């Protein structure tokens, strides 16, 4: 008999997000002895790191659906980058013009690799200065895509090359 593991120390939200250009992806190496997957990259120079607020407002969502062509998974990774400014605008424009593999790490230490070289995720954002003195000034963003398989869970011990 197999049983789903349940952990009472379950924390929501994302802790880290890395946007990786598909051209920098080398391979996903599977360790058959330990049944783990490791991400191997050609370069780390083009990775864009998105800052995470400590309020757990960043989220990863993956929903399985079926269509005439078979199963697919809709992936959405959302968050807010702080402060509308020139430096952030340059990186946001680069994200908006590209296609991405996204590595997201949640507060439980689970690492998801979303998107593939053939079906990368698309980035979109909405900038706002807020509508009140206490409102947030920043850019709400979304990585989204429809992929042919669920996101791969990567072993956290193999992230030393990121």
Protein backbone atom coordinates (compact mmCIF):
# COMPACT_ATOMS: atom_id res chain seq x y z
CA UNK A 1 0.00 0.00 0.00
CA UNK A 2 1.18 3.52 -0.83
CA UNK A 3 0.25 6.51 1.27
CA UNK A 4 0.33 10.25 0.56
CA UNK A 5 2.68 12.02 2.98
CA UNK A 6 1.08 14.68 5.13
CA UNK A 7 3.14 17.32 6.91
CA UNK A 8 1.63 19.55 9.60
CA UNK A 9 4.47 22.07 9.09
CA UNK A 10 3.05 23.15 5.74
CA UNK A 11 3.76 26.78 4.79
CA UNK A 12 2.26 28.57 1.78
CA UNK A 13 3.85 30.98 -0.64
CA UNK A 14 7.11 31.11 -2.58
CA UNK A 15 10.56 31.85 -1.16
CA UNK A 16 12.56 32.27 -4.40
CA UNK A 17 11.92 32.69 -8.16
CA UNK A 18 14.50 32.36 -10.95
CA UNK A 19 13.70 33.06 -14.61
CA UNK A 20 15.97 31.02 -16.89
CA UNK A 21 16.19 31.52 -20.67
CA UNK A 22 15.56 28.22 -22.51
CA UNK A 23 18.83 28.73 -24.40
CA UNK A 24 20.76 28.36 -21.11
CA UNK A 25 19.09 25.03 -20.27
CA UNK A 26 21.45 22.08 -20.78
CA UNK A 27 19.49 19.13 -19.42
CA UNK A 28 17.47 17.69 -16.59
CA UNK A 29 19.61 14.88 -15.16
CA UNK A 30 17.72 12.03 -13.48
CA UNK A 31 19.49 10.06 -10.74
CA UNK A 32 17.87 6.63 -10.96
CA UNK A 33 19.48 5.38 -7.72
CA UNK A 34 17.97 8.17 -5.61
CA UNK A 35 14.99 8.93 -7.90
CA UNK A 36 15.83 12.66 -8.01
CA UNK A 37 16.19 15.22 -10.80
CA UNK A 38 18.90 17.87 -11.10
CA UNK A 39 18.93 20.94 -13.32
CA UNK A 40 22.06 21.51 -15.41
CA UNK A 41 22.62 24.87 -17.12
CA UNK A 42 25.04 26.10 -19.78
CA UNK A 43 25.34 29.47 -18.04
CA UNK A 44 24.01 31.37 -15.03
CA UNK A 45 24.74 34.80 -16.48
CA UNK A 46 21.27 35.30 -18.02
CA UNK A 47 19.18 34.19 -15.03
CA UNK A 48 16.91 36.90 -13.63
CA UNK A 49 16.16 36.65 -9.92
CA UNK A 50 12.85 38.10 -8.77
CA UNK A 51 12.77 39.43 -5.20
CA UNK A 52 10.23 37.89 -2.84
CA UNK A 53 8.25 39.71 -0.18
CA UNK A 54 8.17 37.97 3.19
CA UNK A 55 4.36 38.21 3.34
CA UNK A 56 3.86 35.02 1.30
CA UNK A 57 1.90 36.87 -1.41
CA UNK A 58 3.79 35.02 -4.17
CA UNK A 59 2.16 31.84 -5.42
CA UNK A 60 2.61 28.83 -7.69
CA UNK A 61 -0.51 27.23 -9.18
CA UNK A 62 -0.71 24.21 -11.47
CA UNK A 63 -4.01 22.81 -12.72
CA UNK A 64 -4.44 19.66 -14.81
CA UNK A 65 -7.01 19.67 -17.60
CA UNK A 66 -7.89 17.52 -20.59
CA UNK A 67 -8.53 18.62 -24.16
CA UNK A 68 -8.96 16.85 -27.51
CA UNK A 69 -5.16 16.54 -27.73
CA UNK A 70 -4.83 14.97 -24.28
CA UNK A 71 -3.79 16.13 -20.83
CA UNK A 72 -2.14 19.48 -20.15
CA UNK A 73 -1.20 21.53 -17.10
CA UNK A 74 -1.86 25.27 -16.77
CA UNK A 75 0.96 26.79 -14.73
CA UNK A 76 0.83 30.24 -13.14
CA UNK A 77 3.48 31.85 -10.96
CA UNK A 78 2.50 35.26 -9.57
CA UNK A 79 4.01 37.95 -7.42
CA UNK A 80 4.90 41.62 -7.09
CA UNK A 81 8.26 43.27 -7.64
CA UNK A 82 8.84 46.28 -5.40
CA UNK A 83 9.18 49.84 -6.64
CA UNK A 84 8.60 51.13 -10.14
CA UNK A 85 12.05 52.46 -11.15
CA UNK A 86 14.41 52.50 -14.11
CA UNK A 87 16.58 49.53 -13.01
CA UNK A 88 13.56 47.30 -12.45
CA UNK A 89 11.90 48.49 -15.68
CA UNK A 90 14.89 47.32 -17.74
CA UNK A 91 14.70 43.79 -16.30
CA UNK A 92 10.90 43.67 -16.52
CA UNK A 93 11.08 44.63 -20.20
CA UNK A 94 13.61 41.85 -20.78
CA UNK A 95 11.27 39.39 -19.05
CA UNK A 96 8.28 40.60 -21.11
CA UNK A 97 10.16 40.16 -24.40
CA UNK A 98 11.44 36.66 -23.62
CA UNK A 99 10.31 33.13 -22.96
CA UNK A 100 11.32 31.46 -19.72
CA UNK A 101 11.81 28.33 -17.70
CA UNK A 102 10.97 29.22 -14.12
CA UNK A 103 12.47 27.71 -11.02
CA UNK A 104 10.30 28.45 -7.99
CA UNK A 105 11.09 27.40 -4.44
CA UNK A 106 8.30 27.37 -1.88
CA UNK A 107 8.60 27.91 1.88
CA UNK A 108 8.55 24.14 2.42
CA UNK A 109 11.72 23.73 0.34
CA UNK A 110 9.99 22.18 -2.68
CA UNK A 111 11.58 23.29 -5.96
CA UNK A 112 9.48 23.31 -9.14
CA UNK A 113 10.89 23.69 -12.64
CA UNK A 114 8.07 25.01 -14.84
CA UNK A 115 8.06 25.36 -18.59
CA UNK A 116 10.15 23.46 -21.11
CA UNK A 117 12.49 24.40 -23.92
CA UNK A 118 9.70 23.59 -26.40
CA UNK A 119 6.90 25.15 -24.31
CA UNK A 120 8.38 27.97 -22.19
CA UNK A 121 6.36 30.23 -19.89
CA UNK A 122 5.42 33.78 -20.89
CA UNK A 123 5.85 36.77 -18.60
CA UNK A 124 3.40 39.65 -18.20
CA UNK A 125 3.28 42.50 -15.72
CA UNK A 126 1.22 45.47 -14.61
CA UNK A 127 2.92 48.48 -13.07
CA UNK A 128 1.22 50.73 -10.53
CA UNK A 129 2.16 53.46 -8.09
CA UNK A 130 -0.82 52.55 -5.94
CA UNK A 131 -3.92 54.60 -5.32
CA UNK A 132 -3.10 55.78 -1.78
CA UNK A 133 -0.12 56.74 0.36
CA UNK A 134 -0.10 53.30 1.98
CA UNK A 135 -0.62 51.41 -1.31
CA UNK A 136 2.18 49.42 -2.88
CA UNK A 137 4.33 50.91 -5.62
CA UNK A 138 5.49 48.06 -7.85
CA UNK A 139 4.80 45.65 -10.66
CA UNK A 140 2.42 42.72 -10.34
CA UNK A 141 3.71 39.92 -12.56
CA UNK A 142 2.67 36.53 -13.88
CA UNK A 143 4.56 33.72 -15.55
CA UNK A 144 2.00 31.54 -17.31
CA UNK A 145 1.84 28.70 -19.77
CA UNK A 146 0.16 25.48 -20.76
CA UNK A 147 2.58 22.58 -20.65
CA UNK A 148 2.24 18.90 -21.68
CA UNK A 149 3.36 17.54 -18.29
CA UNK A 150 3.39 18.77 -14.69
CA UNK A 151 6.27 20.87 -13.41
CA UNK A 152 9.29 18.81 -12.41
CA UNK A 153 10.21 18.72 -8.73
CA UNK A 154 13.96 19.24 -8.43
CA UNK A 155 16.07 18.01 -5.53
CA UNK A 156 17.02 21.06 -3.44
CA UNK A 157 20.49 19.63 -2.76
CA UNK A 158 21.26 19.86 -6.50
CA UNK A 159 20.70 23.63 -6.71
CA UNK A 160 24.28 24.56 -5.96
CA UNK A 161 24.82 25.42 -9.63
CA UNK A 162 22.12 28.15 -9.63
